[in-house]
Structures are given as C-alpha cells and as structure tokens.
Amino acid sequence: MTNPHVQHASGDLPHEPEKATLEGRNKVLAFWLFLGGEAVLFGTLFATFLTLRNQIADGPSASELFSLPMTAAATFILLVSSLTSVFAIQAMHRGNKKNLQGWLAVTVLLGLAFLILEIYEFYEYIVHEDYGMTTSAFSSAFYTLVGFHGAHVLFGILWISILIGQLSKKGLTVVTAPKVYVSAMYWHFIDVVWVFIFTVVYLLGKVVG
C-alpha cells in the first residue's frame, strides 16, 4: 500500500489529488458545511447593517464618510487574489509544486495588501474623522461587518502561509492537496463576501446614504 505521506512524482498524482482519497472527499464536504454556516453568519451581519444603516446619530452619513477610490482599489486587489488562487489550483492539478507555492505566495501578498488598505481605512475614520465603534448604531454595524470580514482575510493569509510551509516540507501529496483545495474554497468565499460588502455597504451607501 502506498504511504500517503510520501511525496508522489508529478505523473503519479491523480488528476484531482484533492479528491483522491475518502479523507480528502470528506474534508471537502465538511468544509462546504462550514461555509454554509459562515454564510448564515455573514447574512445576519448584513441584515443588521441594513437595519441600522440610517441610524447615524451625530456622525457623518455613509456618503460623507466613504472613499470609493480606495475601496475600489482594495476590491480589485482581492479579486485578483482570487484569480491567483485559481492559478495555484491549476498548478496543483499539474503536479507542479513550485508554481503552486508561487501562486499561493502571490495570493498571500495580495491579501496582505488588501488588509493594509482596510486597516488604513479604519485608521482614517477613527483618528482623523473621530468616527469610532460607538459613534452610532451605523458605525457599530459597519465596523462589525467589515472588521469581521477582515479577520477572515487575516485567517486566510495565515492558513495559506502555513500550507506553503507544509508543501515545502512534505511535498504535494494526497494529504496536503485537499488542504490546498479547501483553503482555495475559503479564499473564494471571503472574496465573494467582500463583493457583497462593497456593493451593499460602500456603493449603496454612496448612492442612497
């Protein structure tokens, strides 16, 4: 019996190594269930935000507060990172560990760039605009929703970084491949959530707020 912890040659890896074992399929299925729970959680935060979006108290409205150019740049960066994660999965299917690690590293760097822009945005609001978490019900809902997403991005960055190290140590195997696959699923999920945030929070805030 082949030891799954031993690195396979590129030609020996199945076409979809992330689904090559029962363990791998179970990981993918379990992660879909996890993402379903996350979707419900984010849906609750969106509903709360929409309910409180007009409760600005003495603070600025969304149209006065938000800067679309910077947010649009962050959105573009995150969408590109989703594309690089697709390239990583394609490299994995080809059994090319070097390219896989390279595209994962680019994904991490783009995720860091997005996170830096988001932190800078919060810094501007809190320090220069004196617009904090407790300024209004709207600000509380805004920081909770966007900050919760940012925490997910940070988790994804750490997760993918650890996977890059595991690939260096253990190689591309039927054990490591499912981990890469589910991390890509997670990254696409947080990208999709951000598209909704950009649309509902920022674009709608500029038009209606």
C-alpha atoms as a PDB file:
ATOM      1  CA  MET A   1       0.000   0.000   0.000  1.00  0.00           C
ATOM      2  CA  THR A   2       1.307   3.413  -0.908  1.00  0.00           C
ATOM      3  CA  ASN A   3       2.120   5.651   2.011  1.00  0.00           C
ATOM      4  CA  PRO A   4       0.065   8.848   1.531  1.00  0.00           C
ATOM      5  CA  HIS A   5       2.679  10.849   3.409  1.00  0.00           C
ATOM      6  CA  VAL A   6       5.341  10.138   0.812  1.00  0.00           C
ATOM      7  CA  GLN A   7       5.577  12.725  -1.958  1.00  0.00           C
ATOM      8  CA  HIS A   8       4.357  11.456  -5.306  1.00  0.00           C
ATOM      9  CA  ALA A   9       6.032  12.155  -8.606  1.00  0.00           C
ATOM     10  CA  SER A  10       4.087  14.618 -10.748  1.00  0.00           C
ATOM     11  CA  GLY A  11       2.998  11.908 -13.141  1.00  0.00           C
ATOM     12  CA  ASP A  12       1.716   9.690 -10.278  1.00  0.00           C
ATOM     13  CA  LEU A  13      -0.619  12.265  -8.812  1.00  0.00           C
ATOM     14  CA  PRO A  14      -4.265  11.785  -9.812  1.00  0.00           C
ATOM     15  CA  HIS A  15      -5.886  14.460 -11.956  1.00  0.00           C
ATOM     16  CA  GLU A  16      -7.730  15.818  -8.914  1.00  0.00           C
ATOM     17  CA  PRO A  17      -5.447  14.953  -5.981  1.00  0.00           C
ATOM     18  CA  GLU A  18      -7.609  16.927  -3.547  1.00  0.00           C
ATOM     19  CA  LYS A  19     -10.348  14.313  -4.093  1.00  0.00           C
ATOM     20  CA  ALA A  20      -8.114  11.260  -4.391  1.00  0.00           C
ATOM     21  CA  THR A  21      -8.925   9.711  -1.016  1.00  0.00           C
ATOM     22  CA  LEU A  22     -12.020   9.280   1.113  1.00  0.00           C
ATOM     23  CA  GLU A  23     -10.371  11.548   3.677  1.00  0.00           C
ATOM     24  CA  GLY A  24      -9.939  14.239   1.025  1.00  0.00           C
ATOM     25  CA  ARG A  25     -13.565  13.996  -0.102  1.00  0.00           C
ATOM     26  CA  ASN A  26     -14.749  14.152   3.498  1.00  0.00           C
ATOM     27  CA  LYS A  27     -12.657  17.273   4.097  1.00  0.00           C
ATOM     28  CA  VAL A  28     -14.218  18.991   1.092  1.00  0.00           C
ATOM     29  CA  LEU A  29     -17.755  18.019   2.142  1.00  0.00           C
ATOM     30  CA  ALA A  30     -17.180  19.120   5.732  1.00  0.00           C
ATOM     31  CA  PHE A  31     -15.798  22.426   4.550  1.00  0.00           C
ATOM     32  CA  TRP A  32     -18.853  23.066   2.372  1.00  0.00           C
ATOM     33  CA  LEU A  33     -20.960  22.629   5.519  1.00  0.00           C
ATOM     34  CA  PHE A  34     -18.672  25.023   7.381  1.00  0.00           C
ATOM     35  CA  LEU A  35     -19.012  27.629   4.629  1.00  0.00           C
ATOM     36  CA  GLY A  36     -22.784  27.253   4.823  1.00  0.00           C
ATOM     37  CA  GLY A  37     -22.642  28.218   8.483  1.00  0.00           C
ATOM     38  CA  GLU A  38     -20.358  31.147   7.692  1.00  0.00           C
ATOM     39  CA  ALA A  39     -22.781  32.332   5.012  1.00  0.00           C
ATOM     40  CA  VAL A  40     -25.608  32.364   7.565  1.00  0.00           C
ATOM     41  CA  LEU A  41     -23.437  34.327   9.994  1.00  0.00           C
ATOM     42  CA  PHE A  42     -22.486  36.930   7.400  1.00  0.00           C
ATOM     43  CA  GLY A  43     -26.121  37.108   6.291  1.00  0.00           C
ATOM     44  CA  THR A  44     -27.082  38.028   9.853  1.00  0.00           C
ATOM     45  CA  LEU A  45     -24.446  40.775   9.927  1.00  0.00           C
ATOM     46  CA  PHE A  46     -25.665  42.129   6.582  1.00  0.00           C
ATOM     47  CA  ALA A  47     -29.258  42.173   7.836  1.00  0.00           C
ATOM     48  CA  THR A  48     -28.178  44.022  10.986  1.00  0.00           C
ATOM     49  CA  PHE A  49     -26.209  46.551   8.957  1.00  0.00           C
ATOM     50  CA  LEU A  50     -29.134  47.246   6.609  1.00  0.00           C
ATOM     51  CA  THR A  51     -31.429  47.709   9.592  1.00  0.00           C
ATOM     52  CA  LEU A  52     -29.088  50.211  11.271  1.00  0.00           C
ATOM     53  CA  ARG A  53     -27.609  51.963   8.220  1.00  0.00           C
ATOM     54  CA  ASN A  54     -29.661  55.131   8.733  1.00  0.00           C
ATOM     55  CA  GLN A  55     -29.058  55.339  12.499  1.00  0.00           C
ATOM     56  CA  ILE A  56     -26.112  57.738  12.217  1.00  0.00           C
ATOM     57  CA  ALA A  57     -26.806  59.858  15.343  1.00  0.00           C
ATOM     58  CA  ASP A  58     -24.382  62.840  15.217  1.00  0.00           C
ATOM     59  CA  GLY A  59     -21.912  61.090  12.933  1.00  0.00           C
ATOM     60  CA  PRO A  60     -21.457  61.501   9.177  1.00  0.00           C
ATOM     61  CA  SER A  61     -23.595  59.611   6.713  1.00  0.00           C
ATOM     62  CA  ALA A  62     -22.158  56.849   4.548  1.00  0.00           C
ATOM     63  CA  SER A  63     -21.994  59.140   1.520  1.00  0.00           C
ATOM     64  CA  GLU A  64     -19.957  61.663   3.508  1.00  0.00           C
ATOM     65  CA  LEU A  65     -17.662  59.096   5.090  1.00  0.00           C
ATOM     66  CA  PHE A  66     -16.678  56.568   2.457  1.00  0.00           C
ATOM     67  CA  SER A  67     -13.917  56.954  -0.115  1.00  0.00           C
ATOM     68  CA  LEU A  68     -14.807  54.819  -3.114  1.00  0.00           C
ATOM     69  CA  PRO A  69     -11.450  55.044  -4.970  1.00  0.00           C
ATOM     70  CA  MET A  70      -9.534  53.415  -2.116  1.00  0.00           C
ATOM     71  CA  THR A  71     -12.238  50.821  -1.535  1.00  0.00           C
ATOM     72  CA  ALA A  72     -12.418  50.064  -5.263  1.00  0.00           C
ATOM     73  CA  ALA A  73      -8.633  49.538  -5.279  1.00  0.00           C
ATOM     74  CA  ALA A  74      -8.937  47.121  -2.341  1.00  0.00           C
ATOM     75  CA  THR A  75     -11.729  45.291  -4.158  1.00  0.00           C
ATOM     76  CA  PHE A  76      -9.618  44.946  -7.300  1.00  0.00           C
ATOM     77  CA  ILE A  77      -6.694  43.572  -5.278  1.00  0.00           C
ATOM     78  CA  LEU A  78      -8.871  40.964  -3.589  1.00  0.00           C
ATOM     79  CA  LEU A  79     -10.471  39.889  -6.873  1.00  0.00           C
ATOM     80  CA  VAL A  80      -7.023  39.456  -8.432  1.00  0.00           C
ATOM     81  CA  SER A  81      -6.012  37.341  -5.428  1.00  0.00           C
ATOM     82  CA  SER A  82      -8.963  35.083  -6.177  1.00  0.00           C
ATOM     83  CA  LEU A  83      -7.599  34.628  -9.696  1.00  0.00           C
ATOM     84  CA  THR A  84      -4.119  33.780  -8.420  1.00  0.00           C
ATOM     85  CA  SER A  85      -5.636  31.140  -6.141  1.00  0.00           C
ATOM     86  CA  VAL A  86      -7.235  29.608  -9.248  1.00  0.00           C
ATOM     87  CA  PHE A  87      -3.801  29.535 -10.877  1.00  0.00           C
ATOM     88  CA  ALA A  88      -2.499  27.773  -7.758  1.00  0.00           C
ATOM     89  CA  ILE A  89      -5.127  25.049  -8.039  1.00  0.00           C
ATOM     90  CA  GLN A  90      -4.326  24.599 -11.730  1.00  0.00           C
ATOM     91  CA  ALA A  91      -0.646  24.183 -10.837  1.00  0.00           C
ATOM     92  CA  MET A  92      -1.622  21.601  -8.228  1.00  0.00           C
ATOM     93  CA  HIS A  93      -3.580  19.613 -10.814  1.00  0.00           C
ATOM     94  CA  ARG A  94      -0.470  19.574 -12.988  1.00  0.00           C
ATOM     95  CA  GLY A  95       1.606  18.366 -10.016  1.00  0.00           C
ATOM     96  CA  ASN A  96       3.815  21.458 -10.212  1.00  0.00           C
ATOM     97  CA  LYS A  97       4.696  22.179  -6.594  1.00  0.00           C
ATOM     98  CA  LYS A  98       6.949  25.148  -7.372  1.00  0.00           C
ATOM     99  CA  ASN A  99       4.279  27.028  -9.312  1.00  0.00           C
ATOM    100  CA  LEU A 100       1.686  26.061  -6.715  1.00  0.00           C
ATOM    101  CA  GLN A 101       3.744  27.601  -3.943  1.00  0.00           C
ATOM    102  CA  GLY A 102       4.481  30.656  -6.078  1.00  0.00           C
ATOM    103  CA  TRP A 103       0.833  31.407  -6.800  1.00  0.00           C
ATOM    104  CA  LEU A 104      -0.107  30.789  -3.178  1.00  0.00           C
ATOM    105  CA  ALA A 105       2.594  33.278  -2.130  1.00  0.00           C
ATOM    106  CA  VAL A 106       1.213  35.878  -4.557  1.00  0.00           C
ATOM    107  CA  THR A 107      -2.258  35.270  -3.116  1.00  0.00           C
ATOM    108  CA  VAL A 108      -0.910  35.892   0.378  1.00  0.00           C
ATOM    109  CA  LEU A 109       0.814  39.122  -0.686  1.00  0.00           C
ATOM    110  CA  LEU A 110      -2.346  40.414  -2.349  1.00  0.00           C
ATOM    111  CA  GLY A 111      -4.336  39.513   0.744  1.00  0.00           C
ATOM    112  CA  LEU A 112      -1.864  41.463   2.868  1.00  0.00           C
ATOM    113  CA  ALA A 113      -2.184  44.469   0.547  1.00  0.00           C
ATOM    114  CA  PHE A 114      -5.970  44.335   0.902  1.00  0.00           C
ATOM    115  CA  LEU A 115      -5.715  44.078   4.684  1.00  0.00           C
ATOM    116  CA  ILE A 116      -3.319  47.039   4.870  1.00  0.00           C
ATOM    117  CA  LEU A 117      -5.776  49.188   2.907  1.00  0.00           C
ATOM    118  CA  GLU A 118      -8.612  48.132   5.197  1.00  0.00           C
ATOM    119  CA  ILE A 119      -6.588  48.923   8.330  1.00  0.00           C
ATOM    120  CA  TYR A 120      -5.628  52.289   6.837  1.00  0.00           C
ATOM    121  CA  GLU A 121      -9.308  52.993   6.134  1.00  0.00           C
ATOM    122  CA  PHE A 122     -10.223  52.270   9.753  1.00  0.00           C
ATOM    123  CA  TYR A 123      -7.302  54.416  10.930  1.00  0.00           C
ATOM    124  CA  GLU A 124      -8.507  57.353   8.852  1.00  0.00           C
ATOM    125  CA  TYR A 125     -12.045  57.072  10.190  1.00  0.00           C
ATOM    126  CA  ILE A 126     -11.069  56.644  13.829  1.00  0.00           C
ATOM    127  CA  VAL A 127      -8.122  59.049  14.102  1.00  0.00           C
ATOM    128  CA  HIS A 128      -8.879  61.768  11.543  1.00  0.00           C
ATOM    129  CA  GLU A 129     -12.675  61.621  11.424  1.00  0.00           C
ATOM    130  CA  ASP A 130     -13.158  60.734  15.103  1.00  0.00           C
ATOM    131  CA  TYR A 131     -15.593  58.087  13.897  1.00  0.00           C
ATOM    132  CA  GLY A 132     -15.367  55.105  16.207  1.00  0.00           C
ATOM    133  CA  MET A 133     -17.205  51.921  17.009  1.00  0.00           C
ATOM    134  CA  THR A 134     -19.557  53.646  19.467  1.00  0.00           C
ATOM    135  CA  THR A 135     -20.261  56.804  17.463  1.00  0.00           C
ATOM    136  CA  SER A 136     -23.623  55.471  16.280  1.00  0.00           C
ATOM    137  CA  ALA A 137     -25.567  52.314  15.610  1.00  0.00           C
ATOM    138  CA  PHE A 138     -24.486  52.604  11.981  1.00  0.00           C
ATOM    139  CA  SER A 139     -20.797  52.786  12.894  1.00  0.00           C
ATOM    140  CA  SER A 140     -21.119  49.766  15.191  1.00  0.00           C
ATOM    141  CA  ALA A 141     -22.748  47.720  12.424  1.00  0.00           C
ATOM    142  CA  PHE A 142     -20.193  48.922   9.868  1.00  0.00           C
ATOM    143  CA  TYR A 143     -17.093  48.121  11.937  1.00  0.00           C
ATOM    144  CA  THR A 144     -18.541  44.754  12.995  1.00  0.00           C
ATOM    145  CA  LEU A 145     -19.343  43.615   9.444  1.00  0.00           C
ATOM    146  CA  VAL A 146     -16.216  44.918   7.710  1.00  0.00           C
ATOM    147  CA  GLY A 147     -13.941  44.059  10.637  1.00  0.00           C
ATOM    148  CA  PHE A 148     -15.323  40.520  10.831  1.00  0.00           C
ATOM    149  CA  HIS A 149     -14.543  40.071   7.152  1.00  0.00           C
ATOM    150  CA  GLY A 150     -11.050  41.478   7.700  1.00  0.00           C
ATOM    151  CA  ALA A 151     -10.481  38.901  10.446  1.00  0.00           C
ATOM    152  CA  HIS A 152     -11.424  36.197   7.943  1.00  0.00           C
ATOM    153  CA  VAL A 153      -8.913  37.586   5.458  1.00  0.00           C
ATOM    154  CA  LEU A 154      -6.202  37.529   8.133  1.00  0.00           C
ATOM    155  CA  PHE A 155      -7.064  33.928   8.993  1.00  0.00           C
ATOM    156  CA  GLY A 156      -6.878  33.001   5.306  1.00  0.00           C
ATOM    157  CA  ILE A 157      -3.474  34.643   4.962  1.00  0.00           C
ATOM    158  CA  LEU A 158      -2.107  32.706   7.950  1.00  0.00           C
ATOM    159  CA  TRP A 159      -3.663  29.456   6.749  1.00  0.00           C
ATOM    160  CA  ILE A 160      -2.237  29.686   3.225  1.00  0.00           C
ATOM    161  CA  SER A 161       1.179  30.724   4.598  1.00  0.00           C
ATOM    162  CA  ILE A 162       1.245  27.596   6.772  1.00  0.00           C
ATOM    163  CA  LEU A 163       0.268  25.476   3.761  1.00  0.00           C
ATOM    164  CA  ILE A 164       3.180  26.887   1.756  1.00  0.00           C
ATOM    165  CA  GLY A 165       5.499  25.717   4.527  1.00  0.00           C
ATOM    166  CA  GLN A 166       3.864  22.279   4.636  1.00  0.00           C
ATOM    167  CA  LEU A 167       4.279  21.911   0.877  1.00  0.00           C
ATOM    168  CA  SER A 168       7.980  22.688   1.244  1.00  0.00           C
ATOM    169  CA  LYS A 169       8.362  20.072   3.965  1.00  0.00           C
ATOM    170  CA  LYS A 170       6.012  17.294   2.834  1.00  0.00           C
ATOM    171  CA  GLY A 171       5.573  17.970  -0.870  1.00  0.00           C
ATOM    172  CA  LEU A 172       2.387  17.722  -2.915  1.00  0.00           C
ATOM    173  CA  THR A 173       0.623  14.564  -1.764  1.00  0.00           C
ATOM    174  CA  VAL A 174      -2.904  13.239  -1.388  1.00  0.00           C
ATOM    175  CA  VAL A 175      -2.660  14.510   2.199  1.00  0.00           C
ATOM    176  CA  THR A 176      -1.549  18.088   1.501  1.00  0.00           C
ATOM    177  CA  ALA A 177      -3.567  18.580  -1.700  1.00  0.00           C
ATOM    178  CA  PRO A 178      -7.023  18.550  -0.020  1.00  0.00           C
ATOM    179  CA  LYS A 179      -5.787  21.217   2.387  1.00  0.00           C
ATOM    180  CA  VAL A 180      -4.807  23.444  -0.519  1.00  0.00           C
ATOM    181  CA  TYR A 181      -8.153  22.838  -2.187  1.00  0.00           C
ATOM    182  CA  VAL A 182     -10.273  23.760   0.849  1.00  0.00           C
ATOM    183  CA  SER A 183      -8.108  26.834   1.516  1.00  0.00           C
ATOM    184  CA  ALA A 184      -8.865  27.988  -2.031  1.00  0.00           C
ATOM    185  CA  MET A 185     -12.578  27.418  -1.395  1.00  0.00           C
ATOM    186  CA  TYR A 186     -12.301  29.553   1.731  1.00  0.00           C
ATOM    187  CA  TRP A 187     -10.451  32.299  -0.129  1.00  0.00           C
ATOM    188  CA  HIS A 188     -13.092  32.423  -2.881  1.00  0.00           C
ATOM    189  CA  PHE A 189     -15.767  32.599  -0.190  1.00  0.00           C
ATOM    190  CA  ILE A 190     -14.283  35.652   1.511  1.00  0.00           C
ATOM    191  CA  ASP A 191     -13.803  37.269  -1.911  1.00  0.00           C
ATOM    192  CA  VAL A 192     -17.493  36.774  -2.724  1.00  0.00           C
ATOM    193  CA  VAL A 193     -18.482  38.147   0.686  1.00  0.00           C
ATOM    194  CA  TRP A 194     -16.369  41.241   0.018  1.00  0.00           C
ATOM    195  CA  VAL A 195     -18.136  41.838  -3.307  1.00  0.00           C
ATOM    196  CA  PHE A 196     -21.409  41.939  -1.360  1.00  0.00           C
ATOM    197  CA  ILE A 197     -19.859  44.267   1.230  1.00  0.00           C
ATOM    198  CA  PHE A 198     -18.544  46.594  -1.458  1.00  0.00           C
ATOM    199  CA  THR A 199     -21.952  46.685  -3.134  1.00  0.00           C
ATOM    200  CA  VAL A 200     -24.231  46.875  -0.089  1.00  0.00           C
ATOM    201  CA  VAL A 201     -22.080  48.951   2.254  1.00  0.00           C
ATOM    202  CA  TYR A 202     -20.000  51.223   0.024  1.00  0.00           C
ATOM    203  CA  LEU A 203     -21.796  51.610  -3.304  1.00  0.00           C
ATOM    204  CA  LEU A 204     -25.279  51.661  -1.806  1.00  0.00           C
ATOM    205  CA  GLY A 205     -24.018  53.966   0.939  1.00  0.00           C
ATOM    206  CA  LYS A 206     -22.699  56.458  -1.610  1.00  0.00           C
ATOM    207  CA  VAL A 207     -25.872  56.382  -3.712  1.00  0.00           C
ATOM    208  CA  VAL A 208     -28.534  56.216  -1.022  1.00  0.00           C
ATOM    209  CA  GLY A 209     -26.686  57.290   2.111  1.00  0.00           C
END
